[in-house]
Amino acid sequence: MPYVKVYLHLVWSTKKRVPYLNSKELRKKVWAHILENGRKKNIHIDFVNGHNDHCHCLVSLGVDQTNSKILMLIKGESAFWINKMG
């Protein structure tokens, strides 16, 4: 039986690359939220990190997951959460 493992390295930035994630504490909260959100949606996030104006995620795809759907669920929800939290 063949076995395939697909990893995605996702990178996205803040709007106009403004350094909104300017404190280490804020970045830790955002990364923890992204990991928790991924767990709730059965998205296997191996690693999340970044800097004050961008984020990196290493994600392994499941059999029924697509690139665009994963990115929409992770990036879209994290942006919504950040805006809601102020």
Protein backbone atom coordinates (compact mmCIF):
# COMPACT_ATOMS: atom_id res chain seq x y z
CA MET A 1 0.00 0.00 0.00
CA PRO A 2 1.53 3.36 -1.01
CA TYR A 3 2.07 6.06 1.58
CA VAL A 4 2.24 9.77 0.79
CA LYS A 5 2.84 12.61 3.23
CA VAL A 6 2.37 16.17 1.98
CA TYR A 7 3.71 19.13 3.94
CA LEU A 8 2.85 22.75 3.25
CA HIS A 9 4.97 25.68 4.34
CA LEU A 10 2.46 28.53 4.62
CA VAL A 11 3.64 32.12 4.96
CA TRP A 12 1.42 35.17 5.18
CA SER A 13 1.95 38.75 6.25
CA THR A 14 0.01 41.45 7.99
CA LYS A 15 -1.84 43.97 5.85
CA LYS A 16 0.72 46.17 4.08
CA ARG A 17 3.36 44.42 6.23
CA VAL A 18 2.60 46.71 9.16
CA PRO A 19 4.32 45.26 12.29
CA TYR A 20 1.11 44.60 14.24
CA LEU A 21 2.66 41.58 15.98
CA ASN A 22 5.24 43.78 17.66
CA SER A 23 5.51 42.12 21.08
CA LYS A 24 6.71 38.64 21.93
CA GLU A 25 3.72 38.08 24.24
CA LEU A 26 1.24 38.94 21.49
CA ARG A 27 2.98 36.63 19.01
CA LYS A 28 2.88 33.78 21.56
CA LYS A 29 -0.87 34.30 22.03
CA VAL A 30 -1.49 34.35 18.27
CA TRP A 31 0.64 31.23 17.65
CA ALA A 32 -1.13 29.39 20.50
CA HIS A 33 -4.50 30.39 19.06
CA ILE A 34 -3.51 29.16 15.59
CA LEU A 35 -2.41 25.80 17.03
CA GLU A 36 -5.63 25.44 19.06
CA ASN A 37 -7.78 26.40 16.07
CA GLY A 38 -5.97 23.82 13.96
CA ARG A 39 -6.60 21.11 16.56
CA LYS A 40 -10.31 21.92 16.64
CA LYS A 41 -10.53 21.66 12.84
CA ASN A 42 -8.41 18.48 12.54
CA ILE A 43 -5.56 20.35 10.85
CA HIS A 44 -2.16 18.98 11.82
CA ILE A 45 0.10 22.01 12.37
CA ASP A 46 3.64 20.85 13.01
CA PHE A 47 5.16 24.26 13.62
CA VAL A 48 4.06 27.89 13.83
CA ASN A 49 6.29 30.93 14.23
CA GLY A 50 6.99 34.29 12.67
CA HIS A 51 8.04 37.86 13.28
CA ASN A 52 6.32 41.19 13.82
CA ASP A 53 4.83 41.35 10.31
CA HIS A 54 4.44 37.74 9.14
CA CYS A 55 3.66 34.17 10.16
CA HIS A 56 5.03 30.76 9.12
CA CYS A 57 3.13 27.48 9.52
CA LEU A 58 4.25 23.98 8.65
CA VAL A 59 1.14 21.89 8.03
CA SER A 60 0.76 18.26 7.01
CA LEU A 61 -2.26 17.64 4.83
CA GLY A 62 -4.87 15.03 5.60
CA VAL A 63 -6.41 12.87 2.87
CA ASP A 64 -9.48 15.07 2.44
CA GLN A 65 -7.83 18.48 2.87
CA THR A 66 -6.78 20.95 0.18
CA ASN A 67 -4.22 23.74 0.19
CA SER A 68 -6.76 26.51 -0.27
CA LYS A 69 -9.17 25.18 2.36
CA ILE A 70 -6.41 24.78 4.98
CA LEU A 71 -5.05 28.28 4.36
CA MET A 72 -8.54 29.78 4.50
CA LEU A 73 -9.31 28.04 7.79
CA ILE A 74 -6.01 28.96 9.45
CA LYS A 75 -5.29 32.44 8.08
CA GLY A 76 -8.85 33.66 7.83
CA GLU A 77 -9.83 32.61 11.31
CA SER A 78 -6.64 33.93 12.91
CA ALA A 79 -7.13 37.35 11.25
CA PHE A 80 -10.76 37.40 12.44
CA TRP A 81 -9.66 36.50 15.99
CA ILE A 82 -6.93 39.17 16.07
CA ASN A 83 -9.35 41.85 14.85
CA LYS A 84 -11.98 40.76 17.38
CA MET A 85 -9.44 40.89 20.23
CA GLY A 86 -8.30 44.37 19.20
